[in-house]
């Protein structure tokens, strides 16, 4: 771990603080450590975590828009159905 060199004051509303505090308590870390980890996750060097989170959000949004349950079967079948749905949306 690197030496902490900067002090930062951040004001949070009660709901956000409660979420951070609950995570700190559950994970046995300090509130500051939880916030540092969240910063690292959001701003990792390759942006990989942010891209994964955005992809997951888009996938969930797509499922919400169709109003349908994912098709039963294996992943290849599910992926084909999702690709077909997306292709249909792009053609509009």
PDB file of N, CA and C in Angstrom:
ATOM      1  N   UNK A   1       0.856  -1.176   0.000  1.00  0.00           N
ATOM      2  CA  UNK A   1       0.000   0.000   0.000  1.00  0.00           C
ATOM      3  C   UNK A   1       0.895   1.228   0.000  1.00  0.00           C
ATOM      4  N   UNK A   2       0.502   2.221  -0.747  1.00  0.00           N
ATOM      5  CA  UNK A   2       1.305   3.436  -0.826  1.00  0.00           C
ATOM      6  C   UNK A   2       1.060   4.324   0.392  1.00  0.00           C
ATOM      7  N   UNK A   3       2.007   5.204   0.615  1.00  0.00           N
ATOM      8  CA  UNK A   3       1.915   6.157   1.712  1.00  0.00           C
ATOM      9  C   UNK A   3       0.814   7.166   1.401  1.00  0.00           C
ATOM     10  N   UNK A   4      -0.060   7.410   2.350  1.00  0.00           N
ATOM     11  CA  UNK A   4      -1.129   8.389   2.158  1.00  0.00           C
ATOM     12  C   UNK A   4      -0.519   9.782   2.224  1.00  0.00           C
ATOM     13  N   UNK A   5      -0.682  10.551   1.174  1.00  0.00           N
ATOM     14  CA  UNK A   5      -0.046  11.862   1.081  1.00  0.00           C
ATOM     15  C   UNK A   5      -1.029  13.019   1.058  1.00  0.00           C
ATOM     16  N   UNK A   6      -2.270  12.745   0.729  1.00  0.00           N
ATOM     17  CA  UNK A   6      -3.253  13.818   0.581  1.00  0.00           C
ATOM     18  C   UNK A   6      -4.439  13.583   1.487  1.00  0.00           C
ATOM     19  N   UNK A   7      -4.963  14.661   2.023  1.00  0.00           N
ATOM     20  CA  UNK A   7      -6.174  14.598   2.828  1.00  0.00           C
ATOM     21  C   UNK A   7      -7.302  15.177   1.973  1.00  0.00           C
ATOM     22  N   UNK A   8      -8.464  14.540   2.056  1.00  0.00           N
ATOM     23  CA  UNK A   8      -9.612  14.971   1.269  1.00  0.00           C
ATOM     24  C   UNK A   8     -10.838  14.961   2.162  1.00  0.00           C
ATOM     25  N   UNK A   9     -11.588  16.034   2.114  1.00  0.00           N
ATOM     26  CA  UNK A   9     -12.842  16.077   2.865  1.00  0.00           C
ATOM     27  C   UNK A   9     -13.982  15.948   1.868  1.00  0.00           C
ATOM     28  N   UNK A  10     -14.834  14.989   2.095  1.00  0.00           N
ATOM     29  CA  UNK A  10     -15.979  14.742   1.215  1.00  0.00           C
ATOM     30  C   UNK A  10     -17.235  14.752   2.072  1.00  0.00           C
ATOM     31  N   UNK A  11     -18.217  15.510   1.664  1.00  0.00           N
ATOM     32  CA  UNK A  11     -19.492  15.530   2.377  1.00  0.00           C
ATOM     33  C   UNK A  11     -20.448  14.563   1.686  1.00  0.00           C
ATOM     34  N   UNK A  12     -21.079  13.706   2.461  1.00  0.00           N
ATOM     35  CA  UNK A  12     -22.033  12.733   1.946  1.00  0.00           C
ATOM     36  C   UNK A  12     -23.378  12.931   2.616  1.00  0.00           C
ATOM     37  N   UNK A  13     -24.436  12.645   1.871  1.00  0.00           N
ATOM     38  CA  UNK A  13     -25.741  12.647   2.513  1.00  0.00           C
ATOM     39  C   UNK A  13     -25.853  11.394   3.387  1.00  0.00           C
ATOM     40  N   UNK A  14     -26.858  11.354   4.228  1.00  0.00           N
ATOM     41  CA  UNK A  14     -26.994  10.265   5.197  1.00  0.00           C
ATOM     42  C   UNK A  14     -27.124   8.908   4.518  1.00  0.00           C
ATOM     43  N   UNK A  15     -27.855   8.825   3.405  1.00  0.00           N
ATOM     44  CA  UNK A  15     -28.041   7.537   2.723  1.00  0.00           C
ATOM     45  C   UNK A  15     -26.719   6.990   2.194  1.00  0.00           C
ATOM     46  N   UNK A  16     -25.930   7.838   1.544  1.00  0.00           N
ATOM     47  CA  UNK A  16     -24.641   7.377   1.020  1.00  0.00           C
ATOM     48  C   UNK A  16     -23.712   6.960   2.156  1.00  0.00           C
ATOM     49  N   UNK A  17     -23.677   7.768   3.202  1.00  0.00           N
ATOM     50  CA  UNK A  17     -22.803   7.429   4.316  1.00  0.00           C
ATOM     51  C   UNK A  17     -23.219   6.104   4.945  1.00  0.00           C
ATOM     52  N   UNK A  18     -24.505   5.884   5.080  1.00  0.00           N
ATOM     53  CA  UNK A  18     -24.992   4.629   5.663  1.00  0.00           C
ATOM     54  C   UNK A  18     -24.560   3.431   4.824  1.00  0.00           C
ATOM     55  N   UNK A  19     -24.590   3.575   3.500  1.00  0.00           N
ATOM     56  CA  UNK A  19     -24.150   2.485   2.621  1.00  0.00           C
ATOM     57  C   UNK A  19     -22.668   2.199   2.808  1.00  0.00           C
ATOM     58  N   UNK A  20     -21.859   3.253   2.841  1.00  0.00           N
ATOM     59  CA  UNK A  20     -20.418   3.083   3.001  1.00  0.00           C
ATOM     60  C   UNK A  20     -20.110   2.510   4.382  1.00  0.00           C
ATOM     61  N   UNK A  21     -20.772   3.012   5.391  1.00  0.00           N
ATOM     62  CA  UNK A  21     -20.544   2.538   6.752  1.00  0.00           C
ATOM     63  C   UNK A  21     -20.941   1.065   6.900  1.00  0.00           C
ATOM     64  N   UNK A  22     -22.054   0.680   6.288  1.00  0.00           N
ATOM     65  CA  UNK A  22     -22.497  -0.714   6.361  1.00  0.00           C
ATOM     66  C   UNK A  22     -21.489  -1.637   5.680  1.00  0.00           C
ATOM     67  N   UNK A  23     -20.964  -1.219   4.543  1.00  0.00           N
ATOM     68  CA  UNK A  23     -19.950  -2.014   3.843  1.00  0.00           C
ATOM     69  C   UNK A  23     -18.682  -2.119   4.680  1.00  0.00           C
ATOM     70  N   UNK A  24     -18.286  -1.018   5.291  1.00  0.00           N
ATOM     71  CA  UNK A  24     -17.095  -1.022   6.139  1.00  0.00           C
ATOM     72  C   UNK A  24     -17.272  -2.004   7.296  1.00  0.00           C
ATOM     73  N   UNK A  25     -18.410  -1.950   7.932  1.00  0.00           N
ATOM     74  CA  UNK A  25     -18.690  -2.835   9.063  1.00  0.00           C
ATOM     75  C   UNK A  25     -18.702  -4.296   8.612  1.00  0.00           C
ATOM     76  N   UNK A  26     -19.383  -4.565   7.488  1.00  0.00           N
ATOM     77  CA  UNK A  26     -19.510  -5.933   7.004  1.00  0.00           C
ATOM     78  C   UNK A  26     -18.172  -6.520   6.562  1.00  0.00           C
ATOM     79  N   UNK A  27     -17.306  -5.674   6.019  1.00  0.00           N
ATOM     80  CA  UNK A  27     -16.030  -6.170   5.492  1.00  0.00           C
ATOM     81  C   UNK A  27     -14.868  -6.020   6.465  1.00  0.00           C
ATOM     82  N   UNK A  28     -15.124  -5.390   7.603  1.00  0.00           N
ATOM     83  CA  UNK A  28     -14.067  -5.216   8.586  1.00  0.00           C
ATOM     84  C   UNK A  28     -13.031  -4.174   8.190  1.00  0.00           C
ATOM     85  N   UNK A  29     -13.425  -3.251   7.325  1.00  0.00           N
ATOM     86  CA  UNK A  29     -12.522  -2.183   6.895  1.00  0.00           C
ATOM     87  C   UNK A  29     -13.021  -0.859   7.441  1.00  0.00           C
ATOM     88  N   UNK A  30     -12.185   0.161   7.318  1.00  0.00           N
ATOM     89  CA  UNK A  30     -12.609   1.499   7.716  1.00  0.00           C
ATOM     90  C   UNK A  30     -13.449   2.115   6.598  1.00  0.00           C
ATOM     91  N   UNK A  31     -14.193   3.145   6.947  1.00  0.00           N
ATOM     92  CA  UNK A  31     -14.964   3.886   5.944  1.00  0.00           C
ATOM     93  C   UNK A  31     -14.010   4.437   4.884  1.00  0.00           C
ATOM     94  N   UNK A  32     -12.873   4.972   5.316  1.00  0.00           N
ATOM     95  CA  UNK A  32     -11.903   5.523   4.366  1.00  0.00           C
ATOM     96  C   UNK A  32     -11.392   4.450   3.406  1.00  0.00           C
ATOM     97  N   UNK A  33     -11.142   3.239   3.916  1.00  0.00           N
ATOM     98  CA  UNK A  33     -10.661   2.156   3.052  1.00  0.00           C
ATOM     99  C   UNK A  33     -11.716   1.769   2.022  1.00  0.00           C
ATOM    100  N   UNK A  34     -12.980   1.753   2.429  1.00  0.00           N
ATOM    101  CA  UNK A  34     -14.055   1.437   1.486  1.00  0.00           C
ATOM    102  C   UNK A  34     -14.098   2.489   0.377  1.00  0.00           C
ATOM    103  N   UNK A  35     -13.978   3.744   0.740  1.00  0.00           N
ATOM    104  CA  UNK A  35     -14.016   4.815  -0.263  1.00  0.00           C
ATOM    105  C   UNK A  35     -12.800   4.726  -1.181  1.00  0.00           C
ATOM    106  N   UNK A  36     -11.605   4.460  -0.620  1.00  0.00           N
ATOM    107  CA  UNK A  36     -10.413   4.307  -1.465  1.00  0.00           C
ATOM    108  C   UNK A  36     -10.584   3.144  -2.434  1.00  0.00           C
ATOM    109  N   UNK A  37     -11.135   2.020  -1.955  1.00  0.00           N
ATOM    110  CA  UNK A  37     -11.354   0.868  -2.830  1.00  0.00           C
ATOM    111  C   UNK A  37     -12.363   1.189  -3.937  1.00  0.00           C
ATOM    112  N   UNK A  38     -13.400   1.954  -3.601  1.00  0.00           N
ATOM    113  CA  UNK A  38     -14.390   2.342  -4.605  1.00  0.00           C
ATOM    114  C   UNK A  38     -13.752   3.223  -5.677  1.00  0.00           C
ATOM    115  N   UNK A  39     -12.872   4.122  -5.265  1.00  0.00           N
ATOM    116  CA  UNK A  39     -12.158   4.971  -6.227  1.00  0.00           C
ATOM    117  C   UNK A  39     -11.281   4.109  -7.130  1.00  0.00           C
ATOM    118  N   UNK A  40     -10.544   3.175  -6.528  1.00  0.00           N
ATOM    119  CA  UNK A  40      -9.692   2.286  -7.317  1.00  0.00           C
ATOM    120  C   UNK A  40     -10.505   1.477  -8.318  1.00  0.00           C
ATOM    121  N   UNK A  41     -11.659   0.995  -7.893  1.00  0.00           N
ATOM    122  CA  UNK A  41     -12.512   0.204  -8.777  1.00  0.00           C
ATOM    123  C   UNK A  41     -13.026   1.041  -9.941  1.00  0.00           C
ATOM    124  N   UNK A  42     -13.449   2.253  -9.658  1.00  0.00           N
ATOM    125  CA  UNK A  42     -14.001   3.100 -10.710  1.00  0.00           C
ATOM    126  C   UNK A  42     -12.936   3.616 -11.667  1.00  0.00           C
ATOM    127  N   UNK A  43     -11.767   3.923 -11.140  1.00  0.00           N
ATOM    128  CA  UNK A  43     -10.727   4.543 -11.954  1.00  0.00           C
ATOM    129  C   UNK A  43      -9.518   3.635 -12.138  1.00  0.00           C
ATOM    130  N   UNK A  44      -9.728   2.322 -12.295  1.00  0.00           N
ATOM    131  CA  UNK A  44      -8.584   1.442 -12.497  1.00  0.00           C
ATOM    132  C   UNK A  44      -7.866   1.820 -13.787  1.00  0.00           C
ATOM    133  N   UNK A  45      -6.626   1.415 -13.916  1.00  0.00           N
ATOM    134  CA  UNK A  45      -5.755   1.902 -14.988  1.00  0.00           C
ATOM    135  C   UNK A  45      -6.276   1.581 -16.381  1.00  0.00           C
ATOM    136  N   UNK A  46      -6.958   0.486 -16.555  1.00  0.00           N
ATOM    137  CA  UNK A  46      -7.459   0.136 -17.883  1.00  0.00           C
ATOM    138  C   UNK A  46      -8.932   0.476 -18.066  1.00  0.00           C
ATOM    139  N   UNK A  47      -9.591   0.865 -17.014  1.00  0.00           N
ATOM    140  CA  UNK A  47     -11.014   1.137 -17.108  1.00  0.00           C
ATOM    141  C   UNK A  47     -11.836  -0.138 -17.242  1.00  0.00           C
ATOM    142  N   UNK A  48     -11.213  -1.275 -16.956  1.00  0.00           N
ATOM    143  CA  UNK A  48     -11.872  -2.567 -17.141  1.00  0.00           C
ATOM    144  C   UNK A  48     -13.125  -2.701 -16.284  1.00  0.00           C
ATOM    145  N   UNK A  49     -13.037  -2.334 -15.036  1.00  0.00           N
ATOM    146  CA  UNK A  49     -14.189  -2.484 -14.142  1.00  0.00           C
ATOM    147  C   UNK A  49     -15.339  -1.599 -14.595  1.00  0.00           C
ATOM    148  N   UNK A  50     -15.023  -0.372 -14.999  1.00  0.00           N
ATOM    149  CA  UNK A  50     -16.078   0.531 -15.463  1.00  0.00           C
ATOM    150  C   UNK A  50     -16.739  -0.015 -16.726  1.00  0.00           C
ATOM    151  N   UNK A  51     -15.954  -0.591 -17.623  1.00  0.00           N
ATOM    152  CA  UNK A  51     -16.531  -1.170 -18.846  1.00  0.00           C
ATOM    153  C   UNK A  51     -17.417  -2.357 -18.519  1.00  0.00           C
ATOM    154  N   UNK A  52     -16.972  -3.194 -17.580  1.00  0.00           N
ATOM    155  CA  UNK A  52     -17.797  -4.345 -17.206  1.00  0.00           C
ATOM    156  C   UNK A  52     -19.105  -3.902 -16.575  1.00  0.00           C
ATOM    157  N   UNK A  53     -19.026  -2.904 -15.709  1.00  0.00           N
ATOM    158  CA  UNK A  53     -20.245  -2.414 -15.059  1.00  0.00           C
ATOM    159  C   UNK A  53     -21.200  -1.808 -16.089  1.00  0.00           C
ATOM    160  N   UNK A  54     -20.676  -1.067 -17.044  1.00  0.00           N
ATOM    161  CA  UNK A  54     -21.517  -0.469 -18.087  1.00  0.00           C
ATOM    162  C   UNK A  54     -22.143  -1.554 -18.953  1.00  0.00           C
ATOM    163  N   UNK A  55     -21.384  -2.565 -19.299  1.00  0.00           N
ATOM    164  CA  UNK A  55     -21.927  -3.671 -20.098  1.00  0.00           C
ATOM    165  C   UNK A  55     -23.038  -4.389 -19.346  1.00  0.00           C
ATOM    166  N   UNK A  56     -22.834  -4.622 -18.070  1.00  0.00           N
ATOM    167  CA  UNK A  56     -23.869  -5.275 -17.263  1.00  0.00           C
ATOM    168  C   UNK A  56     -25.114  -4.410 -17.184  1.00  0.00           C
ATOM    169  N   UNK A  57     -24.926  -3.099 -17.022  1.00  0.00           N
ATOM    170  CA  UNK A  57     -26.072  -2.202 -16.960  1.00  0.00           C
ATOM    171  C   UNK A  57     -26.859  -2.240 -18.266  1.00  0.00           C
ATOM    172  N   UNK A  58     -26.146  -2.214 -19.404  1.00  0.00           N
ATOM    173  CA  UNK A  58     -26.832  -2.262 -20.699  1.00  0.00           C
ATOM    174  C   UNK A  58     -27.570  -3.579 -20.879  1.00  0.00           C
ATOM    175  N   UNK A  59     -26.948  -4.670 -20.448  1.00  0.00           N
ATOM    176  CA  UNK A  59     -27.597  -5.971 -20.548  1.00  0.00           C
ATOM    177  C   UNK A  59     -28.880  -6.001 -19.726  1.00  0.00           C
ATOM    178  N   UNK A  60     -28.821  -5.486 -18.512  1.00  0.00           N
ATOM    179  CA  UNK A  60     -30.010  -5.453 -17.669  1.00  0.00           C
ATOM    180  C   UNK A  60     -31.074  -4.521 -18.234  1.00  0.00           C
ATOM    181  N   UNK A  61     -30.642  -3.387 -18.802  1.00  0.00           N
ATOM    182  CA  UNK A  61     -31.594  -2.478 -19.426  1.00  0.00           C
ATOM    183  C   UNK A  61     -32.301  -3.147 -20.593  1.00  0.00           C
ATOM    184  N   UNK A  62     -31.564  -3.898 -21.382  1.00  0.00           N
ATOM    185  CA  UNK A  62     -32.151  -4.601 -22.514  1.00  0.00           C
ATOM    186  C   UNK A  62     -33.200  -5.596 -22.033  1.00  0.00           C
ATOM    187  N   UNK A  63     -32.889  -6.322 -20.981  1.00  0.00           N
ATOM    188  CA  UNK A  63     -33.850  -7.280 -20.433  1.00  0.00           C
ATOM    189  C   UNK A  63     -35.095  -6.557 -19.937  1.00  0.00           C
ATOM    190  N   UNK A  64     -34.908  -5.392 -19.300  1.00  0.00           N
ATOM    191  CA  UNK A  64     -36.046  -4.627 -18.806  1.00  0.00           C
ATOM    192  C   UNK A  64     -36.914  -4.121 -19.958  1.00  0.00           C
ATOM    193  N   UNK A  65     -36.299  -3.741 -21.082  1.00  0.00           N
ATOM    194  CA  UNK A  65     -37.058  -3.203 -22.211  1.00  0.00           C
ATOM    195  C   UNK A  65     -37.912  -4.253 -22.891  1.00  0.00           C
ATOM    196  N   UNK A  66     -37.425  -5.483 -22.946  1.00  0.00           N
ATOM    197  CA  UNK A  66     -38.193  -6.517 -23.635  1.00  0.00           C
ATOM    198  C   UNK A  66     -39.374  -6.979 -22.803  1.00  0.00           C
ATOM    199  N   UNK A  67     -39.241  -6.898 -21.488  1.00  0.00           N
ATOM    200  CA  UNK A  67     -40.309  -7.373 -20.618  1.00  0.00           C
ATOM    201  C   UNK A  67     -40.431  -8.880 -20.613  1.00  0.00           C
ATOM    202  N   UNK A  68     -39.491  -9.562 -21.240  1.00  0.00           N
ATOM    203  CA  UNK A  68     -39.538 -11.024 -21.327  1.00  0.00           C
ATOM    204  C   UNK A  68     -38.502 -11.646 -20.422  1.00  0.00           C
ATOM    205  N   UNK A  69     -38.806 -12.840 -19.973  1.00  0.00           N
ATOM    206  CA  UNK A  69     -37.817 -13.626 -19.247  1.00  0.00           C
ATOM    207  C   UNK A  69     -36.796 -14.118 -20.258  1.00  0.00           C
ATOM    208  N   UNK A  70     -35.541 -14.308 -19.831  1.00  0.00           N
ATOM    209  CA  UNK A  70     -34.567 -14.878 -20.761  1.00  0.00           C
ATOM    210  C   UNK A  70     -35.011 -16.261 -21.191  1.00  0.00           C
ATOM    211  N   UNK A  71     -34.723 -16.622 -22.422  1.00  0.00           N
ATOM    212  CA  UNK A  71     -35.143 -17.942 -22.882  1.00  0.00           C
ATOM    213  C   UNK A  71     -34.450 -19.052 -22.097  1.00  0.00           C
ATOM    214  N   UNK A  72     -35.177 -20.146 -21.901  1.00  0.00           N
ATOM    215  CA  UNK A  72     -34.590 -21.289 -21.207  1.00  0.00           C
ATOM    216  C   UNK A  72     -33.576 -21.949 -22.131  1.00  0.00           C
ATOM    217  N   UNK A  73     -32.591 -22.577 -21.576  1.00  0.00           N
ATOM    218  CA  UNK A  73     -31.596 -23.270 -22.390  1.00  0.00           C
ATOM    219  C   UNK A  73     -30.199 -22.845 -22.029  1.00  0.00           C
ATOM    220  N   UNK A  74     -29.292 -23.169 -22.911  1.00  0.00           N
ATOM    221  CA  UNK A  74     -27.900 -22.864 -22.623  1.00  0.00           C
ATOM    222  C   UNK A  74     -27.554 -21.424 -22.999  1.00  0.00           C
ATOM    223  N   UNK A  75     -26.337 -21.030 -22.651  1.00  0.00           N
ATOM    224  CA  UNK A  75     -25.903 -19.653 -22.893  1.00  0.00           C
ATOM    225  C   UNK A  75     -25.909 -19.308 -24.373  1.00  0.00           C
ATOM    226  N   UNK A  76     -25.523 -20.213 -25.252  1.00  0.00           N
ATOM    227  CA  UNK A  76     -25.486 -19.930 -26.690  1.00  0.00           C
ATOM    228  C   UNK A  76     -26.879 -19.554 -27.188  1.00  0.00           C
ATOM    229  N   UNK A  77     -27.870 -20.256 -26.722  1.00  0.00           N
ATOM    230  CA  UNK A  77     -29.250 -19.959 -27.116  1.00  0.00           C
ATOM    231  C   UNK A  77     -29.680 -18.586 -26.594  1.00  0.00           C
ATOM    232  N   UNK A  78     -29.359 -18.309 -25.344  1.00  0.00           N
ATOM    233  CA  UNK A  78     -29.691 -17.014 -24.748  1.00  0.00           C
ATOM    234  C   UNK A  78     -28.990 -15.890 -25.493  1.00  0.00           C
ATOM    235  N   UNK A  79     -27.706 -16.065 -25.809  1.00  0.00           N
ATOM    236  CA  UNK A  79     -26.945 -15.044 -26.516  1.00  0.00           C
ATOM    237  C   UNK A  79     -27.539 -14.794 -27.901  1.00  0.00           C
ATOM    238  N   UNK A  80     -27.914 -15.852 -28.617  1.00  0.00           N
ATOM    239  CA  UNK A  80     -28.536 -15.678 -29.937  1.00  0.00           C
ATOM    240  C   UNK A  80     -29.821 -14.859 -29.829  1.00  0.00           C
ATOM    241  N   UNK A  81     -30.626 -15.164 -28.829  1.00  0.00           N
ATOM    242  CA  UNK A  81     -31.874 -14.420 -28.646  1.00  0.00           C
ATOM    243  C   UNK A  81     -31.595 -12.958 -28.350  1.00  0.00           C
ATOM    244  N   UNK A  82     -30.592 -12.697 -27.533  1.00  0.00           N
ATOM    245  CA  UNK A  82     -30.241 -11.304 -27.223  1.00  0.00           C
ATOM    246  C   UNK A  82     -29.700 -10.595 -28.459  1.00  0.00           C
ATOM    247  N   UNK A  83     -28.854 -11.279 -29.226  1.00  0.00           N
ATOM    248  CA  UNK A  83     -28.319 -10.691 -30.453  1.00  0.00           C
ATOM    249  C   UNK A  83     -29.443 -10.367 -31.435  1.00  0.00           C
ATOM    250  N   UNK A  84     -30.415 -11.276 -31.564  1.00  0.00           N
ATOM    251  CA  UNK A  84     -31.557 -11.042 -32.454  1.00  0.00           C
ATOM    252  C   UNK A  84     -32.357  -9.818 -32.008  1.00  0.00           C
ATOM    253  N   UNK A  85     -32.579  -9.709 -30.698  1.00  0.00           N
ATOM    254  CA  UNK A  85     -33.315  -8.564 -30.155  1.00  0.00           C
ATOM    255  C   UNK A  85     -32.569  -7.268 -30.430  1.00  0.00           C
ATOM    256  N   UNK A  86     -31.267  -7.275 -30.182  1.00  0.00           N
ATOM    257  CA  UNK A  86     -30.452  -6.079 -30.418  1.00  0.00           C
ATOM    258  C   UNK A  86     -30.431  -5.723 -31.898  1.00  0.00           C
ATOM    259  N   UNK A  87     -30.281  -6.708 -32.773  1.00  0.00           N
ATOM    260  CA  UNK A  87     -30.269  -6.440 -34.212  1.00  0.00           C
ATOM    261  C   UNK A  87     -31.594  -5.822 -34.654  1.00  0.00           C
ATOM    262  N   UNK A  88     -32.683  -6.321 -34.097  1.00  0.00           N
ATOM    263  CA  UNK A  88     -33.989  -5.753 -34.424  1.00  0.00           C
ATOM    264  C   UNK A  88     -34.107  -4.304 -34.004  1.00  0.00           C
ATOM    265  N   UNK A  89     -33.558  -3.970 -32.854  1.00  0.00           N
ATOM    266  CA  UNK A  89     -33.586  -2.587 -32.381  1.00  0.00           C
ATOM    267  C   UNK A  89     -32.724  -1.679 -33.259  1.00  0.00           C
ATOM    268  N   UNK A  90     -31.599  -2.198 -33.728  1.00  0.00           N
ATOM    269  CA  UNK A  90     -30.705  -1.379 -34.554  1.00  0.00           C
ATOM    270  C   UNK A  90     -31.285  -1.118 -35.939  1.00  0.00           C
ATOM    271  N   UNK A  91     -32.135  -2.013 -36.420  1.00  0.00           N
ATOM    272  CA  UNK A  91     -32.736  -1.851 -37.744  1.00  0.00           C
ATOM    273  C   UNK A  91     -33.826  -0.791 -37.753  1.00  0.00           C
ATOM    274  N   UNK A  92     -34.367  -0.460 -36.609  1.00  0.00           N
ATOM    275  CA  UNK A  92     -35.472   0.505 -36.550  1.00  0.00           C
ATOM    276  C   UNK A  92     -35.040   1.888 -36.905  1.00  0.00           C
TER     277      UNK A  92
END
